[in-house]
Amino acid sequence: MRHFENREAIAKELCVRGFQDLLALLEPAAQVEDPLERLPQLAQAYVRFGMEHPETYRLIFMEDPKLSTALFGDSPEGAGPRSFGGLVQVFVDLLAAGRLEEGTKPDQLAEVLWAGVHGIVSLRLTCTGFPGSPAEELTKVLVSTLVKGLPGLKARQA
């Protein structure tokens, strides 16, 4: 039987396990060869994790920031950095395939994607009375907008 020295140690262990669970959901999507097909699958897997594990999600991303900060700083081989690394890799692969402009920063695009999917999950978990679209549908719109831009956007008339 494992004993913890305090509540913070318990919370940190739960965060470690939560990131391992997130990584386990992201890994199959990360195996999709075409990065443009991989991108929506990664986004959907992330949102599915948050919606299926709301308490774990809240603990990892919406509670004490010291917990997730420590997990990202502890080891680059940890589940947290590896989870984010999968998001970065899809943009690295798009850049390497010549599908993004030279000079594009994969890390920044991964942060934008993460912010978007985190926002979707956070809103669904905290604003349960808001009559918005289902999380899965919002995730499709998010990825489509990220890839193609705003639908039907017209150039400004001079």
Protein backbone atom coordinates (compact mmCIF):
# COMPACT_ATOMS: atom_id res chain seq x y z
CA MET A 1 0.00 0.00 0.00
CA ARG A 2 1.33 3.42 -0.97
CA HIS A 3 1.19 6.23 1.56
CA PHE A 4 1.38 9.91 0.73
CA GLU A 5 2.91 12.52 2.96
CA ASN A 6 0.15 15.11 2.38
CA ARG A 7 -2.76 16.23 0.20
CA GLU A 8 -0.46 17.92 -2.29
CA ALA A 9 1.38 14.64 -2.86
CA ILE A 10 -1.93 12.87 -3.49
CA ALA A 11 -3.04 15.58 -5.91
CA LYS A 12 0.30 15.43 -7.75
CA GLU A 13 0.01 11.65 -8.13
CA LEU A 14 -3.55 12.03 -9.44
CA CYS A 15 -2.28 14.60 -11.95
CA VAL A 16 0.48 12.24 -13.10
CA ARG A 17 -2.07 9.48 -13.62
CA GLY A 18 -4.45 11.90 -15.34
CA PHE A 19 -1.76 12.97 -17.81
CA GLN A 20 -0.98 9.30 -18.43
CA ASP A 21 -4.66 8.72 -19.23
CA LEU A 22 -4.70 11.76 -21.53
CA LEU A 23 -1.59 10.54 -23.30
CA ALA A 24 -3.15 7.09 -23.72
CA LEU A 25 -6.12 8.69 -25.53
CA LEU A 26 -3.88 10.90 -27.68
CA GLU A 27 -1.43 8.17 -28.74
CA PRO A 28 -3.71 6.34 -31.24
CA ALA A 29 -4.55 9.66 -32.92
CA ALA A 30 -0.84 10.55 -32.98
CA GLN A 31 -0.20 7.43 -35.10
CA VAL A 32 -2.29 8.72 -38.02
CA GLU A 33 0.23 9.23 -40.81
CA ASP A 34 -1.28 12.22 -42.64
CA PRO A 35 -0.88 15.20 -40.30
CA LEU A 36 -3.96 16.91 -41.73
CA GLU A 37 -6.04 13.86 -40.78
CA ARG A 38 -4.20 13.52 -37.46
CA LEU A 39 -4.99 17.08 -36.35
CA PRO A 40 -8.76 16.67 -35.87
CA GLN A 41 -8.29 13.25 -34.30
CA LEU A 42 -5.89 14.68 -31.70
CA ALA A 43 -8.32 17.52 -30.97
CA GLN A 44 -11.26 15.13 -30.61
CA ALA A 45 -9.24 12.80 -28.34
CA TYR A 46 -8.30 15.71 -26.08
CA VAL A 47 -11.89 16.92 -25.80
CA ARG A 48 -13.16 13.37 -25.25
CA PHE A 49 -10.70 12.99 -22.36
CA GLY A 50 -11.95 16.18 -20.71
CA MET A 51 -15.60 15.32 -21.16
CA GLU A 52 -15.24 11.70 -20.00
CA HIS A 53 -12.98 12.52 -17.03
CA PRO A 54 -14.24 15.90 -15.78
CA GLU A 55 -12.88 15.66 -12.24
CA THR A 56 -9.43 14.59 -13.42
CA TYR A 57 -9.50 17.32 -16.07
CA ARG A 58 -10.40 19.94 -13.49
CA LEU A 59 -7.60 18.77 -11.21
CA ILE A 60 -4.98 18.81 -13.97
CA PHE A 61 -5.92 22.03 -15.76
CA MET A 62 -8.29 24.06 -13.63
CA GLU A 63 -7.11 23.76 -10.03
CA ASP A 64 -3.76 24.61 -8.48
CA PRO A 65 -1.40 25.65 -11.30
CA LYS A 66 1.59 24.48 -9.24
CA LEU A 67 0.54 20.88 -9.93
CA SER A 68 0.66 21.01 -13.71
CA THR A 69 3.65 23.37 -13.67
CA ALA A 70 5.60 20.83 -11.64
CA LEU A 71 4.65 18.01 -13.98
CA PHE A 72 5.82 19.92 -17.05
CA GLY A 73 9.06 20.86 -15.32
CA ASP A 74 9.87 17.47 -13.78
CA SER A 75 10.83 15.57 -16.91
CA PRO A 76 10.55 16.10 -20.67
CA GLU A 77 9.70 12.40 -20.86
CA GLY A 78 6.68 12.77 -18.58
CA ALA A 79 3.14 12.29 -19.86
CA GLY A 80 2.37 16.04 -19.74
CA PRO A 81 5.24 17.13 -22.00
CA ARG A 82 4.68 14.11 -24.25
CA SER A 83 0.98 14.99 -24.59
CA PHE A 84 1.83 18.52 -25.68
CA GLY A 85 4.65 17.15 -27.86
CA GLY A 86 2.08 15.22 -29.89
CA LEU A 87 0.24 18.46 -30.59
CA VAL A 88 3.50 20.14 -31.63
CA GLN A 89 4.50 17.20 -33.83
CA VAL A 90 1.43 17.46 -36.05
CA PHE A 91 2.45 21.02 -36.98
CA VAL A 92 6.12 20.04 -37.37
CA ASP A 93 4.96 17.37 -39.82
CA LEU A 94 2.72 19.80 -41.71
CA LEU A 95 5.65 22.21 -41.99
CA ALA A 96 8.03 19.45 -43.14
CA ALA A 97 5.49 18.37 -45.78
CA GLY A 98 5.44 21.91 -47.19
CA ARG A 99 1.83 22.44 -46.12
CA LEU A 100 2.60 25.45 -43.91
CA GLU A 101 4.49 28.64 -44.72
CA GLU A 102 8.20 28.66 -43.97
CA GLY A 103 8.82 30.38 -40.67
CA THR A 104 5.65 28.99 -39.11
CA LYS A 105 6.19 28.16 -35.46
CA PRO A 106 4.77 24.69 -34.67
CA ASP A 107 4.95 25.33 -30.90
CA GLN A 108 2.72 28.39 -31.22
CA LEU A 109 0.19 26.59 -33.40
CA ALA A 110 0.11 23.75 -30.87
CA GLU A 111 -0.55 26.29 -28.10
CA VAL A 112 -3.41 27.79 -30.14
CA LEU A 113 -4.90 24.33 -30.68
CA TRP A 114 -4.47 23.50 -26.99
CA ALA A 115 -6.06 26.79 -25.95
CA GLY A 116 -9.01 26.07 -28.22
CA VAL A 117 -9.67 22.53 -27.06
CA HIS A 118 -9.06 23.52 -23.44
CA GLY A 119 -11.55 26.35 -23.86
CA ILE A 120 -14.17 23.98 -25.26
CA VAL A 121 -13.75 21.52 -22.40
CA SER A 122 -13.59 24.24 -19.75
CA LEU A 123 -16.76 25.92 -20.98
CA ARG A 124 -18.64 22.63 -21.11
CA LEU A 125 -17.52 21.72 -17.59
CA THR A 126 -18.14 25.09 -15.96
CA CYS A 127 -21.07 26.56 -17.92
CA THR A 128 -23.33 23.54 -18.03
CA GLY A 129 -26.46 25.68 -18.38
CA PHE A 130 -25.24 27.42 -21.54
CA PRO A 131 -27.25 26.09 -24.50
CA GLY A 132 -24.32 25.83 -26.88
CA SER A 133 -23.30 23.24 -29.43
CA PRO A 134 -21.98 19.84 -28.35
CA ALA A 135 -18.26 19.75 -27.57
CA GLU A 136 -17.51 17.37 -30.45
CA GLU A 137 -19.19 19.70 -32.94
CA LEU A 138 -17.30 22.73 -31.59
CA THR A 139 -14.06 20.79 -31.90
CA LYS A 140 -14.74 20.15 -35.60
CA VAL A 141 -15.43 23.85 -36.14
CA LEU A 142 -12.28 24.80 -34.21
CA VAL A 143 -10.03 22.55 -36.29
CA SER A 144 -11.70 23.51 -39.56
CA THR A 145 -11.28 27.19 -38.74
CA LEU A 146 -7.66 26.65 -37.75
CA VAL A 147 -6.96 24.83 -41.03
CA LYS A 148 -9.15 26.74 -43.51
CA GLY A 149 -9.87 30.08 -41.83
CA LEU A 150 -13.27 31.57 -41.16
CA PRO A 151 -15.90 29.99 -43.41
CA GLY A 152 -17.21 32.31 -46.08
CA LEU A 153 -14.98 35.22 -45.03
CA LYS A 154 -15.18 37.84 -47.73
CA ALA A 155 -12.51 40.35 -48.57
CA ARG A 156 -13.23 43.90 -47.43
CA GLN A 157 -14.78 46.12 -50.03
CA ALA A 158 -12.67 49.20 -50.76
